C-alpha atoms as a PDB file:
ATOM      1  CA  MET A   1     136.353  98.040 159.225  1.00  0.00           C
ATOM      2  CA  THR A   2     136.427  97.477 155.441  1.00  0.00           C
ATOM      3  CA  SER A   3     134.066  99.131 153.011  1.00  0.00           C
ATOM      4  CA  ARG A   4     132.031  96.930 150.927  1.00  0.00           C
ATOM      5  CA  ASP A   5     130.488  98.136 147.404  1.00  0.00           C
ATOM      6  CA  ILE A   6     126.785  97.534 147.351  1.00  0.00           C
ATOM      7  CA  ASN A   7     125.282  96.442 144.142  1.00  0.00           C
ATOM      8  CA  VAL A   8     121.594  97.396 143.022  1.00  0.00           C
ATOM      9  CA  ILE A   9     119.269  95.823 140.770  1.00  0.00           C
ATOM     10  CA  ALA A  10     115.691  97.165 140.323  1.00  0.00           C
ATOM     11  CA  LEU A  11     112.476  96.636 138.422  1.00  0.00           C
ATOM     12  CA  VAL A  12     109.654  98.622 138.222  1.00  0.00           C
ATOM     13  CA  LYS A  13     106.483  96.987 137.062  1.00  0.00           C
ATOM     14  CA  GLY A  14     103.315  98.729 136.967  1.00  0.00           C
ATOM     15  CA  GLY A  15     102.969 100.391 140.485  1.00  0.00           C
ATOM     16  CA  GLU A  16     105.298  98.065 142.169  1.00  0.00           C
ATOM     17  CA  ARG A  17     109.015  98.447 142.568  1.00  0.00           C
ATOM     18  CA  TYR A  18     111.226  95.601 143.273  1.00  0.00           C
ATOM     19  CA  VAL A  19     114.853  96.695 144.622  1.00  0.00           C
ATOM     20  CA  PHE A  20     117.489  94.107 145.563  1.00  0.00           C
ATOM     21  CA  LEU A  21     120.683  95.149 147.287  1.00  0.00           C
ATOM     22  CA  TYR A  22     123.783  92.677 147.484  1.00  0.00           C
ATOM     23  CA  ASP A  23     127.263  92.857 147.934  1.00  0.00           C
ATOM     24  CA  ASP A  24     129.890  90.670 145.849  1.00  0.00           C
ATOM     25  CA  ASP A  25     129.995  87.935 148.546  1.00  0.00           C
ATOM     26  CA  SER A  26     126.291  87.463 148.484  1.00  0.00           C
ATOM     27  CA  ARG A  27     125.525  87.037 144.751  1.00  0.00           C
ATOM     28  CA  ASN A  28     124.094  83.453 145.292  1.00  0.00           C
ATOM     29  CA  GLU A  29     121.691  84.791 147.966  1.00  0.00           C
ATOM     30  CA  ALA A  30     120.463  87.261 145.636  1.00  0.00           C
ATOM     31  CA  LEU A  31     119.661  84.861 143.009  1.00  0.00           C
ATOM     32  CA  GLN A  32     117.842  82.752 145.680  1.00  0.00           C
ATOM     33  CA  ALA A  33     116.057  86.033 146.565  1.00  0.00           C
ATOM     34  CA  LEU A  34     114.997  86.492 142.926  1.00  0.00           C
ATOM     35  CA  ALA A  35     113.732  82.883 142.704  1.00  0.00           C
ATOM     36  CA  ARG A  36     111.610  83.163 145.934  1.00  0.00           C
ATOM     37  CA  HIS A  37     110.146  86.371 144.454  1.00  0.00           C
ATOM     38  CA  ALA A  38     109.246  84.528 141.203  1.00  0.00           C
ATOM     39  CA  ALA A  39     107.750  81.495 143.061  1.00  0.00           C
ATOM     40  CA  ASN A  40     105.367  83.761 145.205  1.00  0.00           C
ATOM     41  CA  PRO A  41     102.028  83.720 143.608  1.00  0.00           C
ATOM     42  CA  ASP A  42     100.943  87.023 145.526  1.00  0.00           C
ATOM     43  CA  LEU A  43     103.602  89.134 143.570  1.00  0.00           C
ATOM     44  CA  SER A  44     103.570  90.109 139.977  1.00  0.00           C
ATOM     45  CA  PHE A  45     107.376  89.349 139.950  1.00  0.00           C
ATOM     46  CA  SER A  46     107.657  86.632 137.267  1.00  0.00           C
ATOM     47  CA  TRP A  47     110.040  84.019 136.422  1.00  0.00           C
ATOM     48  CA  TYR A  48     110.922  86.061 133.224  1.00  0.00           C
ATOM     49  CA  ASP A  49     111.780  88.996 135.597  1.00  0.00           C
ATOM     50  CA  ALA A  50     113.945  86.475 137.749  1.00  0.00           C
ATOM     51  CA  ALA A  51     115.804  85.587 134.844  1.00  0.00           C
ATOM     52  CA  VAL A  52     116.543  89.069 133.328  1.00  0.00           C
ATOM     53  CA  LEU A  53     117.739  90.188 136.786  1.00  0.00           C
ATOM     54  CA  GLY A  54     119.544  87.167 137.560  1.00  0.00           C
ATOM     55  CA  GLN A  55     121.510  87.465 134.358  1.00  0.00           C
ATOM     56  CA  LYS A  56     122.356  91.196 135.536  1.00  0.00           C
ATOM     57  CA  VAL A  57     123.686  89.768 138.792  1.00  0.00           C
ATOM     58  CA  ARG A  58     125.839  86.970 137.032  1.00  0.00           C
ATOM     59  CA  ASN A  59     127.179  89.623 134.544  1.00  0.00           C
ATOM     60  CA  ASN A  60     127.970  92.061 137.333  1.00  0.00           C
ATOM     61  CA  THR A  61     131.054  90.217 138.530  1.00  0.00           C
ATOM     62  CA  PRO A  62     133.850  92.157 140.391  1.00  0.00           C
ATOM     63  CA  ARG A  63     136.495  93.394 138.428  1.00  0.00           C
ATOM     64  CA  PRO A  64     140.117  92.400 139.267  1.00  0.00           C
ATOM     65  CA  SER A  65     142.354  95.201 140.631  1.00  0.00           C
ATOM     66  CA  ARG A  66     144.429  96.531 137.997  1.00  0.00           C
ATOM     67  CA  ILE A  67     148.178  96.051 138.217  1.00  0.00           C
ATOM     68  CA  LYS A  68     150.135  99.243 137.374  1.00  0.00           C
ATOM     69  CA  PHE A  69     153.054  98.781 135.006  1.00  0.00           C
ATOM     70  CA  VAL A  70     156.297 100.151 136.606  1.00  0.00           C
ATOM     71  CA  PRO A  71     159.380  99.780 134.414  1.00  0.00           C
ATOM     72  CA  ARG A  72     162.471  98.119 135.959  1.00  0.00           C
ATOM     73  CA  ALA A  73     165.003 100.276 137.269  1.00  0.00           C
ATOM     74  CA  ASP A  74     167.759  98.356 135.318  1.00  0.00           C
ATOM     75  CA  ARG A  75     166.104  98.859 131.731  1.00  0.00           C
ATOM     76  CA  PRO A  76     165.404 102.117 129.861  1.00  0.00           C
ATOM     77  CA  ALA A  77     161.735 102.699 129.612  1.00  0.00           C
END
């Protein structure tokens, strides 16, 4: 079983709290969920809120693993 990091974005608006959890493989689904919330007239979650949080999702891209430098054995370091 592999462990996955969970990303969290949240918005507190008045007395309401909107919390979205997603992993790196489900970024598109997270963006779609933001749009669904913005389109729901029963929520105070606006298209502006969706745009701001959506930008955070898009900017939170996974970082590539760093490659450690190991000097070659046939050259002095």
